[in-house]
Amino acid sequence: MSNNSTDQMKLSAEEHKDRMSYVWGLIAALVLTVIPFGLVYFQSLSRTSTLVIIGVFALIQMLVHFRYFLHVGWKQHREDLLLLLFSGSLLFFLIAGTLWVMANLATRMMDMMSGMGM
């Protein structure tokens, strides 16, 4: 009987730790969301500064989601971390390539328009 109650206490301690992790993650995510909204709403900084701060807060929020909700740490689950890094680099190359092609097309279209006398 005592072994069963000890297991239940360990389980409830683990559940409490998991719940607290989710609560801290939720609080951090809310703070990291409200601050950029406040900056945009009150227009307290220049447009460029606001965009940079929003980007930084978005990256920090991504890390918070990885840590608290997806439970991806830096020391454990190396395979998950490598998968995320590979996916991130794949997305980076996809977006960078798309922007490069679109900018190249825009430049060529402008050259054609100026050559037509428009």
PDB file of N, CA and C in Angstrom:
ATOM      1  N   MET A   1       0.814  -1.187   0.000  1.00  0.00           N
ATOM      2  CA  MET A   1       0.000   0.000   0.000  1.00  0.00           C
ATOM      3  C   MET A   1       0.857   1.249   0.000  1.00  0.00           C
ATOM      4  N   SER A   2       1.926   1.254   0.764  1.00  0.00           N
ATOM      5  CA  SER A   2       2.779   2.442   0.833  1.00  0.00           C
ATOM      6  C   SER A   2       3.498   2.669  -0.496  1.00  0.00           C
ATOM      7  N   ASN A   3       3.806   1.588  -1.194  1.00  0.00           N
ATOM      8  CA  ASN A   3       4.457   1.720  -2.492  1.00  0.00           C
ATOM      9  C   ASN A   3       3.523   2.394  -3.487  1.00  0.00           C
ATOM     10  N   ASN A   4       2.256   2.049  -3.445  1.00  0.00           N
ATOM     11  CA  ASN A   4       1.260   2.631  -4.338  1.00  0.00           C
ATOM     12  C   ASN A   4       1.080   4.122  -4.046  1.00  0.00           C
ATOM     13  N   SER A   5       1.027   4.514  -2.778  1.00  0.00           N
ATOM     14  CA  SER A   5       0.853   5.930  -2.433  1.00  0.00           C
ATOM     15  C   SER A   5       2.095   6.733  -2.796  1.00  0.00           C
ATOM     16  N   THR A   6       3.278   6.119  -2.688  1.00  0.00           N
ATOM     17  CA  THR A   6       4.511   6.799  -3.084  1.00  0.00           C
ATOM     18  C   THR A   6       4.516   7.043  -4.587  1.00  0.00           C
ATOM     19  N   ASP A   7       4.054   6.059  -5.352  1.00  0.00           N
ATOM     20  CA  ASP A   7       3.965   6.231  -6.801  1.00  0.00           C
ATOM     21  C   ASP A   7       2.987   7.333  -7.166  1.00  0.00           C
ATOM     22  N   GLN A   8       1.869   7.394  -6.434  1.00  0.00           N
ATOM     23  CA  GLN A   8       0.881   8.445  -6.694  1.00  0.00           C
ATOM     24  C   GLN A   8       1.440   9.816  -6.350  1.00  0.00           C
ATOM     25  N   MET A   9       2.218   9.901  -5.284  1.00  0.00           N
ATOM     26  CA  MET A   9       2.820  11.185  -4.911  1.00  0.00           C
ATOM     27  C   MET A   9       3.835  11.629  -5.959  1.00  0.00           C
ATOM     28  N   LYS A  10       4.624  10.673  -6.476  1.00  0.00           N
ATOM     29  CA  LYS A  10       5.585  11.004  -7.527  1.00  0.00           C
ATOM     30  C   LYS A  10       4.861  11.460  -8.786  1.00  0.00           C
ATOM     31  N   LEU A  11       3.767  10.762  -9.105  1.00  0.00           N
ATOM     32  CA  LEU A  11       2.991  11.113 -10.278  1.00  0.00           C
ATOM     33  C   LEU A  11       2.374  12.495 -10.115  1.00  0.00           C
ATOM     34  N   SER A  12       1.822  12.763  -8.943  1.00  0.00           N
ATOM     35  CA  SER A  12       1.207  14.077  -8.749  1.00  0.00           C
ATOM     36  C   SER A  12       2.263  15.174  -8.740  1.00  0.00           C
ATOM     37  N   ALA A  13       3.467  14.903  -8.261  1.00  0.00           N
ATOM     38  CA  ALA A  13       4.542  15.891  -8.299  1.00  0.00           C
ATOM     39  C   ALA A  13       4.956  16.159  -9.746  1.00  0.00           C
ATOM     40  N   GLU A  14       5.004  15.100 -10.555  1.00  0.00           N
ATOM     41  CA  GLU A  14       5.321  15.277 -11.978  1.00  0.00           C
ATOM     42  C   GLU A  14       4.229  16.055 -12.693  1.00  0.00           C
ATOM     43  N   GLU A  15       2.972  15.725 -12.384  1.00  0.00           N
ATOM     44  CA  GLU A  15       1.859  16.445 -12.995  1.00  0.00           C
ATOM     45  C   GLU A  15       1.886  17.913 -12.598  1.00  0.00           C
ATOM     46  N   HIS A  16       2.196  18.176 -11.331  1.00  0.00           N
ATOM     47  CA  HIS A  16       2.277  19.562 -10.862  1.00  0.00           C
ATOM     48  C   HIS A  16       3.390  20.306 -11.597  1.00  0.00           C
ATOM     49  N   LYS A  17       4.519  19.649 -11.779  1.00  0.00           N
ATOM     50  CA  LYS A  17       5.644  20.273 -12.490  1.00  0.00           C
ATOM     51  C   LYS A  17       5.256  20.574 -13.938  1.00  0.00           C
ATOM     52  N   ASP A  18       4.572  19.637 -14.602  1.00  0.00           N
ATOM     53  CA  ASP A  18       4.126  19.853 -15.979  1.00  0.00           C
ATOM     54  C   ASP A  18       3.118  20.994 -16.064  1.00  0.00           C
ATOM     55  N   ARG A  19       2.180  21.011 -15.126  1.00  0.00           N
ATOM     56  CA  ARG A  19       1.181  22.089 -15.133  1.00  0.00           C
ATOM     57  C   ARG A  19       1.833  23.443 -14.922  1.00  0.00           C
ATOM     58  N   MET A  20       2.785  23.509 -14.002  1.00  0.00           N
ATOM     59  CA  MET A  20       3.467  24.780 -13.755  1.00  0.00           C
ATOM     60  C   MET A  20       4.272  25.215 -14.985  1.00  0.00           C
ATOM     61  N   SER A  21       4.812  24.248 -15.695  1.00  0.00           N
ATOM     62  CA  SER A  21       5.518  24.561 -16.933  1.00  0.00           C
ATOM     63  C   SER A  21       4.570  25.183 -17.948  1.00  0.00           C
ATOM     64  N   TYR A  22       3.388  24.617 -18.078  1.00  0.00           N
ATOM     65  CA  TYR A  22       2.391  25.171 -19.000  1.00  0.00           C
ATOM     66  C   TYR A  22       1.928  26.555 -18.555  1.00  0.00           C
ATOM     67  N   VAL A  23       1.753  26.731 -17.244  1.00  0.00           N
ATOM     68  CA  VAL A  23       1.311  28.040 -16.735  1.00  0.00           C
ATOM     69  C   VAL A  23       2.363  29.104 -17.007  1.00  0.00           C
ATOM     70  N   TRP A  24       3.636  28.808 -16.711  1.00  0.00           N
ATOM     71  CA  TRP A  24       4.701  29.771 -16.987  1.00  0.00           C
ATOM     72  C   TRP A  24       4.824  30.047 -18.479  1.00  0.00           C
ATOM     73  N   GLY A  25       4.655  29.027 -19.283  1.00  0.00           N
ATOM     74  CA  GLY A  25       4.693  29.223 -20.732  1.00  0.00           C
ATOM     75  C   GLY A  25       3.562  30.109 -21.210  1.00  0.00           C
ATOM     76  N   LEU A  26       2.369  29.901 -20.658  1.00  0.00           N
ATOM     77  CA  LEU A  26       1.221  30.724 -21.024  1.00  0.00           C
ATOM     78  C   LEU A  26       1.437  32.178 -20.619  1.00  0.00           C
ATOM     79  N   ILE A  27       1.930  32.388 -19.414  1.00  0.00           N
ATOM     80  CA  ILE A  27       2.188  33.754 -18.948  1.00  0.00           C
ATOM     81  C   ILE A  27       3.229  34.428 -19.829  1.00  0.00           C
ATOM     82  N   ALA A  28       4.318  33.724 -20.120  1.00  0.00           N
ATOM     83  CA  ALA A  28       5.363  34.300 -20.968  1.00  0.00           C
ATOM     84  C   ALA A  28       4.833  34.600 -22.362  1.00  0.00           C
ATOM     85  N   ALA A  29       4.040  33.691 -22.924  1.00  0.00           N
ATOM     86  CA  ALA A  29       3.485  33.907 -24.261  1.00  0.00           C
ATOM     87  C   ALA A  29       2.544  35.106 -24.273  1.00  0.00           C
ATOM     88  N   LEU A  30       1.734  35.247 -23.241  1.00  0.00           N
ATOM     89  CA  LEU A  30       0.831  36.392 -23.174  1.00  0.00           C
ATOM     90  C   LEU A  30       1.595  37.707 -23.057  1.00  0.00           C
ATOM     91  N   VAL A  31       2.616  37.740 -22.214  1.00  0.00           N
ATOM     92  CA  VAL A  31       3.421  38.963 -22.069  1.00  0.00           C
ATOM     93  C   VAL A  31       4.124  39.293 -23.379  1.00  0.00           C
ATOM     94  N   LEU A  32       4.664  38.267 -24.026  1.00  0.00           N
ATOM     95  CA  LEU A  32       5.374  38.491 -25.285  1.00  0.00           C
ATOM     96  C   LEU A  32       4.421  38.864 -26.426  1.00  0.00           C
ATOM     97  N   THR A  33       3.146  38.658 -26.254  1.00  0.00           N
ATOM     98  CA  THR A  33       2.154  39.076 -27.243  1.00  0.00           C
ATOM     99  C   THR A  33       1.623  40.476 -26.939  1.00  0.00           C
ATOM    100  N   VAL A  34       1.368  40.753 -25.664  1.00  0.00           N
ATOM    101  CA  VAL A  34       0.755  42.024 -25.276  1.00  0.00           C
ATOM    102  C   VAL A  34       1.707  43.202 -25.496  1.00  0.00           C
ATOM    103  N   ILE A  35       2.980  43.020 -25.228  1.00  0.00           N
ATOM    104  CA  ILE A  35       3.934  44.129 -25.374  1.00  0.00           C
ATOM    105  C   ILE A  35       4.002  44.635 -26.818  1.00  0.00           C
ATOM    106  N   PRO A  36       4.181  43.782 -27.835  1.00  0.00           N
ATOM    107  CA  PRO A  36       4.166  44.314 -29.208  1.00  0.00           C
ATOM    108  C   PRO A  36       2.824  44.939 -29.596  1.00  0.00           C
ATOM    109  N   PHE A  37       1.711  44.357 -29.145  1.00  0.00           N
ATOM    110  CA  PHE A  37       0.416  44.973 -29.430  1.00  0.00           C
ATOM    111  C   PHE A  37       0.334  46.363 -28.814  1.00  0.00           C
ATOM    112  N   GLY A  38       0.838  46.505 -27.598  1.00  0.00           N
ATOM    113  CA  GLY A  38       0.845  47.811 -26.945  1.00  0.00           C
ATOM    114  C   GLY A  38       1.706  48.813 -27.686  1.00  0.00           C
ATOM    115  N   LEU A  39       2.857  48.369 -28.168  1.00  0.00           N
ATOM    116  CA  LEU A  39       3.730  49.272 -28.939  1.00  0.00           C
ATOM    117  C   LEU A  39       3.053  49.762 -30.208  1.00  0.00           C
ATOM    118  N   VAL A  40       2.345  48.874 -30.882  1.00  0.00           N
ATOM    119  CA  VAL A  40       1.653  49.265 -32.105  1.00  0.00           C
ATOM    120  C   VAL A  40       0.456  50.157 -31.782  1.00  0.00           C
ATOM    121  N   TYR A  41      -0.284  49.813 -30.757  1.00  0.00           N
ATOM    122  CA  TYR A  41      -1.494  50.560 -30.416  1.00  0.00           C
ATOM    123  C   TYR A  41      -1.167  51.989 -29.986  1.00  0.00           C
ATOM    124  N   PHE A  42      -0.152  52.144 -29.125  1.00  0.00           N
ATOM    125  CA  PHE A  42       0.179  53.473 -28.611  1.00  0.00           C
ATOM    126  C   PHE A  42       1.152  54.234 -29.506  1.00  0.00           C
ATOM    127  N   GLN A  43       1.741  53.585 -30.497  1.00  0.00           N
ATOM    128  CA  GLN A  43       2.667  54.205 -31.449  1.00  0.00           C
ATOM    129  C   GLN A  43       3.734  55.034 -30.736  1.00  0.00           C
ATOM    130  N   SER A  44       4.352  54.425 -29.736  1.00  0.00           N
ATOM    131  CA  SER A  44       5.322  55.141 -28.920  1.00  0.00           C
ATOM    132  C   SER A  44       6.715  55.190 -29.548  1.00  0.00           C
ATOM    133  N   LEU A  45       7.001  54.317 -30.498  1.00  0.00           N
ATOM    134  CA  LEU A  45       8.314  54.284 -31.151  1.00  0.00           C
ATOM    135  C   LEU A  45       8.149  54.488 -32.651  1.00  0.00           C
ATOM    136  N   SER A  46       9.283  54.678 -33.318  1.00  0.00           N
ATOM    137  CA  SER A  46       9.225  54.808 -34.780  1.00  0.00           C
ATOM    138  C   SER A  46       8.815  53.485 -35.402  1.00  0.00           C
ATOM    139  N   ARG A  47       8.433  53.549 -36.665  1.00  0.00           N
ATOM    140  CA  ARG A  47       7.953  52.350 -37.358  1.00  0.00           C
ATOM    141  C   ARG A  47       9.029  51.274 -37.426  1.00  0.00           C
ATOM    142  N   THR A  48      10.257  51.674 -37.745  1.00  0.00           N
ATOM    143  CA  THR A  48      11.356  50.705 -37.863  1.00  0.00           C
ATOM    144  C   THR A  48      11.648  50.055 -36.517  1.00  0.00           C
ATOM    145  N   SER A  49      11.714  50.847 -35.465  1.00  0.00           N
ATOM    146  CA  SER A  49      11.981  50.292 -34.130  1.00  0.00           C
ATOM    147  C   SER A  49      10.877  49.330 -33.709  1.00  0.00           C
ATOM    148  N   THR A  50       9.646  49.705 -33.998  1.00  0.00           N
ATOM    149  CA  THR A  50       8.523  48.839 -33.639  1.00  0.00           C
ATOM    150  C   THR A  50       8.608  47.511 -34.375  1.00  0.00           C
ATOM    151  N   LEU A  51       8.931  47.546 -35.663  1.00  0.00           N
ATOM    152  CA  LEU A  51       9.039  46.302 -36.433  1.00  0.00           C
ATOM    153  C   LEU A  51      10.180  45.423 -35.935  1.00  0.00           C
ATOM    154  N   VAL A  52      11.297  46.036 -35.571  1.00  0.00           N
ATOM    155  CA  VAL A  52      12.427  45.256 -35.043  1.00  0.00           C
ATOM    156  C   VAL A  52      12.046  44.611 -33.717  1.00  0.00           C
ATOM    157  N   ILE A  53      11.394  45.369 -32.848  1.00  0.00           N
ATOM    158  CA  ILE A  53      10.989  44.827 -31.549  1.00  0.00           C
ATOM    159  C   ILE A  53       9.969  43.701 -31.727  1.00  0.00           C
ATOM    160  N   ILE A  54       9.040  43.861 -32.659  1.00  0.00           N
ATOM    161  CA  ILE A  54       8.060  42.794 -32.923  1.00  0.00           C
ATOM    162  C   ILE A  54       8.779  41.533 -33.402  1.00  0.00           C
ATOM    163  N   GLY A  55       9.766  41.685 -34.284  1.00  0.00           N
ATOM    164  CA  GLY A  55      10.526  40.529 -34.758  1.00  0.00           C
ATOM    165  C   GLY A  55      11.291  39.839 -33.646  1.00  0.00           C
ATOM    166  N   VAL A  56      11.913  40.623 -32.768  1.00  0.00           N
ATOM    167  CA  VAL A  56      12.669  40.044 -31.651  1.00  0.00           C
ATOM    168  C   VAL A  56      11.720  39.313 -30.701  1.00  0.00           C
ATOM    169  N   PHE A  57      10.578  39.930 -30.386  1.00  0.00           N
ATOM    170  CA  PHE A  57       9.621  39.284 -29.507  1.00  0.00           C
ATOM    171  C   PHE A  57       9.049  38.022 -30.148  1.00  0.00           C
ATOM    172  N   ALA A  58       8.883  38.011 -31.455  1.00  0.00           N
ATOM    173  CA  ALA A  58       8.395  36.810 -32.139  1.00  0.00           C
ATOM    174  C   ALA A  58       9.401  35.671 -32.009  1.00  0.00           C
ATOM    175  N   LEU A  59      10.684  35.977 -32.169  1.00  0.00           N
ATOM    176  CA  LEU A  59      11.708  34.937 -32.013  1.00  0.00           C
ATOM    177  C   LEU A  59      11.758  34.418 -30.579  1.00  0.00           C
ATOM    178  N   ILE A  60      11.661  35.327 -29.620  1.00  0.00           N
ATOM    179  CA  ILE A  60      11.666  34.899 -28.220  1.00  0.00           C
ATOM    180  C   ILE A  60      10.434  34.043 -27.931  1.00  0.00           C
ATOM    181  N   GLN A  61       9.297  34.431 -28.492  1.00  0.00           N
ATOM    182  CA  GLN A  61       8.079  33.652 -28.272  1.00  0.00           C
ATOM    183  C   GLN A  61       8.188  32.265 -28.900  1.00  0.00           C
ATOM    184  N   MET A  62       8.869  32.179 -30.029  1.00  0.00           N
ATOM    185  CA  MET A  62       9.105  30.864 -30.626  1.00  0.00           C
ATOM    186  C   MET A  62       9.891  29.975 -29.669  1.00  0.00           C
ATOM    187  N   LEU A  63      10.928  30.536 -29.049  1.00  0.00           N
ATOM    188  CA  LEU A  63      11.721  29.767 -28.083  1.00  0.00           C
ATOM    189  C   LEU A  63      10.887  29.361 -26.872  1.00  0.00           C
ATOM    190  N   VAL A  64      10.016  30.255 -26.415  1.00  0.00           N
ATOM    191  CA  VAL A  64       9.142  29.931 -25.287  1.00  0.00           C
ATOM    192  C   VAL A  64       8.220  28.768 -25.648  1.00  0.00           C
ATOM    193  N   HIS A  65       7.672  28.795 -26.848  1.00  0.00           N
ATOM    194  CA  HIS A  65       6.787  27.699 -27.280  1.00  0.00           C
ATOM    195  C   HIS A  65       7.552  26.392 -27.382  1.00  0.00           C
ATOM    196  N   PHE A  66       8.762  26.444 -27.923  1.00  0.00           N
ATOM    197  CA  PHE A  66       9.562  25.223 -28.008  1.00  0.00           C
ATOM    198  C   PHE A  66       9.838  24.665 -26.616  1.00  0.00           C
ATOM    199  N   ARG A  67      10.194  25.527 -25.687  1.00  0.00           N
ATOM    200  CA  ARG A  67      10.602  25.075 -24.363  1.00  0.00           C
ATOM    201  C   ARG A  67       9.411  24.613 -23.515  1.00  0.00           C
ATOM    202  N   TYR A  68       8.380  25.440 -23.417  1.00  0.00           N
ATOM    203  CA  TYR A  68       7.315  25.165 -22.455  1.00  0.00           C
ATOM    204  C   TYR A  68       6.176  24.310 -23.005  1.00  0.00           C
ATOM    205  N   PHE A  69       5.896  24.394 -24.293  1.00  0.00           N
ATOM    206  CA  PHE A  69       4.754  23.653 -24.837  1.00  0.00           C
ATOM    207  C   PHE A  69       5.180  22.416 -25.624  1.00  0.00           C
ATOM    208  N   LEU A  70       6.271  22.515 -26.360  1.00  0.00           N
ATOM    209  CA  LEU A  70       6.742  21.357 -27.116  1.00  0.00           C
ATOM    210  C   LEU A  70       7.778  20.549 -26.344  1.00  0.00           C
ATOM    211  N   HIS A  71       8.239  21.082 -25.215  1.00  0.00           N
ATOM    212  CA  HIS A  71       9.209  20.428 -24.335  1.00  0.00           C
ATOM    213  C   HIS A  71      10.487  20.047 -25.071  1.00  0.00           C
ATOM    214  N   VAL A  72      10.950  20.950 -25.914  1.00  0.00           N
ATOM    215  CA  VAL A  72      12.220  20.744 -26.603  1.00  0.00           C
ATOM    216  C   VAL A  72      13.264  21.557 -25.859  1.00  0.00           C
ATOM    217  N   GLY A  73      14.178  20.865 -25.206  1.00  0.00           N
ATOM    218  CA  GLY A  73      15.242  21.530 -24.467  1.00  0.00           C
ATOM    219  C   GLY A  73      16.519  21.535 -25.280  1.00  0.00           C
ATOM    220  N   TRP A  74      17.517  22.204 -24.749  1.00  0.00           N
ATOM    221  CA  TRP A  74      18.788  22.295 -25.462  1.00  0.00           C
ATOM    222  C   TRP A  74      19.697  21.124 -25.138  1.00  0.00           C
ATOM    223  N   LYS A  75      19.469  20.444 -24.024  1.00  0.00           N
ATOM    224  CA  LYS A  75      20.361  19.351 -23.631  1.00  0.00           C
ATOM    225  C   LYS A  75      19.747  17.979 -23.856  1.00  0.00           C
ATOM    226  N   GLN A  76      18.448  17.910 -23.888  1.00  0.00           N
ATOM    227  CA  GLN A  76      17.796  16.619 -24.093  1.00  0.00           C
ATOM    228  C   GLN A  76      17.057  16.624 -25.420  1.00  0.00           C
ATOM    229  N   HIS A  77      16.726  15.484 -25.907  1.00  0.00           N
ATOM    230  CA  HIS A  77      16.005  15.329 -27.170  1.00  0.00           C
ATOM    231  C   HIS A  77      16.783  15.982 -28.322  1.00  0.00           C
ATOM    232  N   ARG A  78      18.031  15.603 -28.485  1.00  0.00           N
ATOM    233  CA  ARG A  78      18.879  16.167 -29.533  1.00  0.00           C
ATOM    234  C   ARG A  78      18.272  15.957 -30.918  1.00  0.00           C
ATOM    235  N   GLU A  79      17.591  14.835 -31.114  1.00  0.00           N
ATOM    236  CA  GLU A  79      17.001  14.549 -32.418  1.00  0.00           C
ATOM    237  C   GLU A  79      15.907  15.570 -32.743  1.00  0.00           C
ATOM    238  N   ASP A  80      15.107  15.917 -31.729  1.00  0.00           N
ATOM    239  CA  ASP A  80      14.060  16.918 -31.946  1.00  0.00           C
ATOM    240  C   ASP A  80      14.667  18.264 -32.296  1.00  0.00           C
ATOM    241  N   LEU A  81      15.731  18.619 -31.595  1.00  0.00           N
ATOM    242  CA  LEU A  81      16.388  19.897 -31.860  1.00  0.00           C
ATOM    243  C   LEU A  81      16.977  19.923 -33.268  1.00  0.00           C
ATOM    244  N   LEU A  82      17.593  18.842 -33.677  1.00  0.00           N
ATOM    245  CA  LEU A  82      18.149  18.783 -35.028  1.00  0.00           C
ATOM    246  C   LEU A  82      17.055  18.848 -36.084  1.00  0.00           C
ATOM    247  N   LEU A  83      15.937  18.206 -35.819  1.00  0.00           N
ATOM    248  CA  LEU A  83      14.808  18.263 -36.742  1.00  0.00           C
ATOM    249  C   LEU A  83      14.296  19.695 -36.871  1.00  0.00           C
ATOM    250  N   LEU A  84      14.177  20.386 -35.746  1.00  0.00           N
ATOM    251  CA  LEU A  84      13.719  21.773 -35.778  1.00  0.00           C
ATOM    252  C   LEU A  84      14.708  22.687 -36.501  1.00  0.00           C
ATOM    253  N   LEU A  85      15.994  22.482 -36.254  1.00  0.00           N
ATOM    254  CA  LEU A  85      16.999  23.291 -36.942  1.00  0.00           C
ATOM    255  C   LEU A  85      16.987  23.024 -38.447  1.00  0.00           C
ATOM    256  N   PHE A  86      16.837  21.779 -38.841  1.00  0.00           N
ATOM    257  CA  PHE A  86      16.756  21.451 -40.263  1.00  0.00           C
ATOM    258  C   PHE A  86      15.517  22.073 -40.891  1.00  0.00           C
ATOM    259  N   SER A  87      14.374  21.973 -40.195  1.00  0.00           N
ATOM    260  CA  SER A  87      13.139  22.568 -40.714  1.00  0.00           C
ATOM    261  C   SER A  87      13.267  24.077 -40.828  1.00  0.00           C
ATOM    262  N   GLY A  88      13.890  24.691 -39.837  1.00  0.00           N
ATOM    263  CA  GLY A  88      14.101  26.145 -39.878  1.00  0.00           C
ATOM    264  C   GLY A  88      14.995  26.566 -41.024  1.00  0.00           C
ATOM    265  N   SER A  89      16.071  25.819 -41.250  1.00  0.00           N
ATOM    266  CA  SER A  89      16.958  26.167 -42.363  1.00  0.00           C
ATOM    267  C   SER A  89      16.266  25.940 -43.704  1.00  0.00           C
ATOM    268  N   LEU A  90      15.455  24.902 -43.789  1.00  0.00           N
ATOM    269  CA  LEU A  90      14.697  24.654 -45.015  1.00  0.00           C
ATOM    270  C   LEU A  90      13.720  25.802 -45.289  1.00  0.00           C
ATOM    271  N   LEU A  91      13.019  26.249 -44.261  1.00  0.00           N
ATOM    272  CA  LEU A  91      12.115  27.387 -44.419  1.00  0.00           C
ATOM    273  C   LEU A  91      12.861  28.652 -44.805  1.00  0.00           C
ATOM    274  N   PHE A  92      14.020  28.867 -44.193  1.00  0.00           N
ATOM    275  CA  PHE A  92      14.825  30.043 -44.524  1.00  0.00           C
ATOM    276  C   PHE A  92      15.201  30.037 -45.999  1.00  0.00           C
ATOM    277  N   PHE A  93      15.711  28.914 -46.483  1.00  0.00           N
ATOM    278  CA  PHE A  93      16.107  28.851 -47.890  1.00  0.00           C
ATOM    279  C   PHE A  93      14.909  28.984 -48.823  1.00  0.00           C
ATOM    280  N   LEU A  94      13.777  28.428 -48.446  1.00  0.00           N
ATOM    281  CA  LEU A  94      12.577  28.543 -49.260  1.00  0.00           C
ATOM    282  C   LEU A  94      12.121  30.003 -49.348  1.00  0.00           C
ATOM    283  N   ILE A  95      12.069  30.683 -48.224  1.00  0.00           N
ATOM    284  CA  ILE A  95      11.628  32.085 -48.215  1.00  0.00           C
ATOM    285  C   ILE A  95      12.651  32.976 -48.904  1.00  0.00           C
ATOM    286  N   ALA A  96      13.939  32.775 -48.621  1.00  0.00           N
ATOM    287  CA  ALA A  96      14.978  33.587 -49.251  1.00  0.00           C
ATOM    288  C   ALA A  96      14.985  33.384 -50.769  1.00  0.00           C
ATOM    289  N   GLY A  97      14.832  32.154 -51.217  1.00  0.00           N
ATOM    290  CA  GLY A  97      14.788  31.892 -52.657  1.00  0.00           C
ATOM    291  C   GLY A  97      13.580  32.529 -53.314  1.00  0.00           C
ATOM    292  N   THR A  98      12.437  32.465 -52.651  1.00  0.00           N
ATOM    293  CA  THR A  98      11.229  33.084 -53.188  1.00  0.00           C
ATOM    294  C   THR A  98      11.405  34.592 -53.308  1.00  0.00           C
ATOM    295  N   LEU A  99      11.948  35.216 -52.269  1.00  0.00           N
ATOM    296  CA  LEU A  99      12.166  36.668 -52.316  1.00  0.00           C
ATOM    297  C   LEU A  99      13.172  37.043 -53.402  1.00  0.00           C
ATOM    298  N   TRP A 100      14.201  36.233 -53.562  1.00  0.00           N
ATOM    299  CA  TRP A 100      15.201  36.505 -54.587  1.00  0.00           C
ATOM    300  C   TRP A 100      14.576  36.438 -55.984  1.00  0.00           C
ATOM    301  N   VAL A 101      13.803  35.403 -56.241  1.00  0.00           N
ATOM    302  CA  VAL A 101      13.164  35.251 -57.548  1.00  0.00           C
ATOM    303  C   VAL A 101      12.182  36.394 -57.798  1.00  0.00           C
ATOM    304  N   MET A 102      11.387  36.736 -56.798  1.00  0.00           N
ATOM    305  CA  MET A 102      10.406  37.811 -56.965  1.00  0.00           C
ATOM    306  C   MET A 102      11.080  39.160 -57.197  1.00  0.00           C
ATOM    307  N   ALA A 103      12.183  39.424 -56.490  1.00  0.00           N
ATOM    308  CA  ALA A 103      12.913  40.679 -56.696  1.00  0.00           C
ATOM    309  C   ALA A 103      13.526  40.711 -58.093  1.00  0.00           C
ATOM    310  N   ASN A 104      14.045  39.580 -58.534  1.00  0.00           N
ATOM    311  CA  ASN A 104      14.624  39.499 -59.874  1.00  0.00           C
ATOM    312  C   ASN A 104      13.546  39.745 -60.933  1.00  0.00           C
ATOM    313  N   LEU A 105      12.380  39.145 -60.756  1.00  0.00           N
ATOM    314  CA  LEU A 105      11.286  39.358 -61.700  1.00  0.00           C
ATOM    315  C   LEU A 105      10.823  40.813 -61.699  1.00  0.00           C
ATOM    316  N   ALA A 106      10.757  41.424 -60.530  1.00  0.00           N
ATOM    317  CA  ALA A 106      10.342  42.827 -60.451  1.00  0.00           C
ATOM    318  C   ALA A 106      11.338  43.721 -61.167  1.00  0.00           C
ATOM    319  N   THR A 107      12.616  43.435 -61.022  1.00  0.00           N
ATOM    320  CA  THR A 107      13.647  44.223 -61.708  1.00  0.00           C
ATOM    321  C   THR A 107      13.527  44.064 -63.220  1.00  0.00           C
ATOM    322  N   ARG A 108      13.326  42.849 -63.667  1.00  0.00           N
ATOM    323  CA  ARG A 108      13.180  42.617 -65.110  1.00  0.00           C
ATOM    324  C   ARG A 108      11.926  43.273 -65.669  1.00  0.00           C
ATOM    325  N   MET A 109      10.841  43.260 -64.907  1.00  0.00           N
ATOM    326  CA  MET A 109       9.603  43.901 -65.357  1.00  0.00           C
ATOM    327  C   MET A 109       9.774  45.409 -65.448  1.00  0.00           C
ATOM    328  N   MET A 110      10.509  45.993 -64.512  1.00  0.00           N
ATOM    329  CA  MET A 110      10.742  47.437 -64.556  1.00  0.00           C
ATOM    330  C   MET A 110      11.601  47.806 -65.755  1.00  0.00           C
ATOM    331  N   ASP A 111      12.577  46.957 -66.056  1.00  0.00           N
ATOM    332  CA  ASP A 111      13.413  47.184 -67.250  1.00  0.00           C
ATOM    333  C   ASP A 111      12.575  47.131 -68.508  1.00  0.00           C
ATOM    334  N   MET A 112      11.663  46.173 -68.574  1.00  0.00           N
ATOM    335  CA  MET A 112      10.797  46.054 -69.763  1.00  0.00           C
ATOM    336  C   MET A 112       9.865  47.271 -69.885  1.00  0.00           C
ATOM    337  N   MET A 113       9.344  47.740 -68.751  1.00  0.00           N
ATOM    338  CA  MET A 113       8.420  48.868 -68.758  1.00  0.00           C
ATOM    339  C   MET A 113       9.134  50.138 -69.193  1.00  0.00           C
ATOM    340  N   SER A 114      10.393  50.325 -68.736  1.00  0.00           N
ATOM    341  CA  SER A 114      11.114  51.533 -69.124  1.00  0.00           C
ATOM    342  C   SER A 114      11.531  51.455 -70.601  1.00  0.00           C
ATOM    343  N   GLY A 115      11.751  50.260 -71.096  1.00  0.00           N
ATOM    344  CA  GLY A 115      12.114  50.102 -72.512  1.00  0.00           C
ATOM    345  C   GLY A 115      10.957  50.345 -73.439  1.00  0.00           C
ATOM    346  N   MET A 116       9.726  50.185 -72.955  1.00  0.00           N
ATOM    347  CA  MET A 116       8.546  50.392 -73.774  1.00  0.00           C
ATOM    348  C   MET A 116       8.126  51.857 -73.785  1.00  0.00           C
ATOM    349  N   GLY A 117       8.751  52.679 -72.958  1.00  0.00           N
ATOM    350  CA  GLY A 117       8.409  54.094 -72.948  1.00  0.00           C
ATOM    351  C   GLY A 117       7.235  54.409 -72.064  1.00  0.00           C
ATOM    352  N   MET A 118       6.942  53.568 -71.107  1.00  0.00           N
ATOM    353  CA  MET A 118       5.797  53.826 -70.217  1.00  0.00           C
ATOM    354  C   MET A 118       6.205  54.596 -69.026  1.00  0.00           C
TER     355      MET A 118
END
